[in-house]
């Protein structure tokens, strides 16, 4: 059996050089990872802001009751 991992893939557009099979997959994985990290960071920031608003509202209610 021969390993076809070293055979270049065809390029996406005219004038582009063929990209080896492993490199094309790595770029897609890195892009997907960045997208997942960006979404996780956005969700984390929204959660922290909601917690801060809840704490501020609770503190405001405590001062009004006194």
Protein backbone atom coordinates (compact mmCIF):
# COMPACT_ATOMS: atom_id res chain seq x y z
CA UNK A 1 0.00 0.00 0.00
CA UNK A 2 1.17 3.50 -0.71
CA UNK A 3 0.62 6.53 1.50
CA UNK A 4 -1.22 9.24 -0.45
CA UNK A 5 -0.76 11.85 2.30
CA UNK A 6 2.08 13.55 0.39
CA UNK A 7 0.18 14.04 -2.85
CA UNK A 8 -0.75 17.72 -3.30
CA UNK A 9 -4.41 18.63 -3.53
CA UNK A 10 -5.75 20.87 -6.28
CA UNK A 11 -5.97 24.55 -5.41
CA UNK A 12 -9.19 26.44 -4.81
CA UNK A 13 -8.57 29.16 -7.36
CA UNK A 14 -6.60 29.93 -10.50
CA UNK A 15 -2.91 30.69 -10.01
CA UNK A 16 -2.77 29.15 -6.52
CA UNK A 17 -0.25 26.44 -5.77
CA UNK A 18 -1.55 23.03 -4.73
CA UNK A 19 -1.74 22.61 -0.96
CA UNK A 20 -0.52 19.39 0.68
CA UNK A 21 -3.34 17.36 2.20
CA UNK A 22 -2.39 17.83 5.88
CA UNK A 23 -1.89 21.60 5.66
CA UNK A 24 -5.34 22.25 4.20
CA UNK A 25 -6.95 20.33 7.06
CA UNK A 26 -4.84 22.17 9.69
CA UNK A 27 -5.95 25.61 8.48
CA UNK A 28 -9.60 24.58 8.63
CA UNK A 29 -9.16 23.16 12.11
CA UNK A 30 -7.41 26.33 13.32
CA UNK A 31 -10.20 28.46 11.92
CA UNK A 32 -12.85 26.29 13.56
CA UNK A 33 -10.96 26.40 16.86
CA UNK A 34 -10.76 30.21 16.69
CA UNK A 35 -14.51 30.38 16.03
CA UNK A 36 -15.25 28.12 19.02
CA UNK A 37 -12.96 30.14 21.28
CA UNK A 38 -14.53 33.40 20.13
CA UNK A 39 -18.04 32.08 20.86
CA UNK A 40 -16.96 30.76 24.27
CA UNK A 41 -15.38 34.10 25.17
CA UNK A 42 -18.50 35.98 24.10
CA UNK A 43 -20.72 33.71 26.22
CA UNK A 44 -18.37 34.03 29.19
CA UNK A 45 -18.36 37.84 28.98
CA UNK A 46 -22.17 37.93 28.75
CA UNK A 47 -22.42 35.67 31.80
CA UNK A 48 -19.99 37.84 33.80
CA UNK A 49 -21.88 41.02 32.87
CA UNK A 50 -25.17 39.44 33.95
CA UNK A 51 -23.60 38.41 37.27
CA UNK A 52 -22.24 41.93 37.82
CA UNK A 53 -25.66 43.46 37.08
CA UNK A 54 -27.32 41.02 39.50
CA UNK A 55 -24.80 41.84 42.24
CA UNK A 56 -25.25 45.58 41.69
CA UNK A 57 -29.05 45.24 41.83
CA UNK A 58 -28.83 43.15 45.02
CA UNK A 59 -26.53 45.69 46.63
CA UNK A 60 -28.87 48.51 45.62
CA UNK A 61 -31.87 46.68 47.13
CA UNK A 62 -29.96 46.12 50.38
CA UNK A 63 -29.15 49.82 50.72
CA UNK A 64 -32.77 50.85 50.02
CA UNK A 65 -34.13 48.51 52.72
CA UNK A 66 -31.90 50.04 55.41
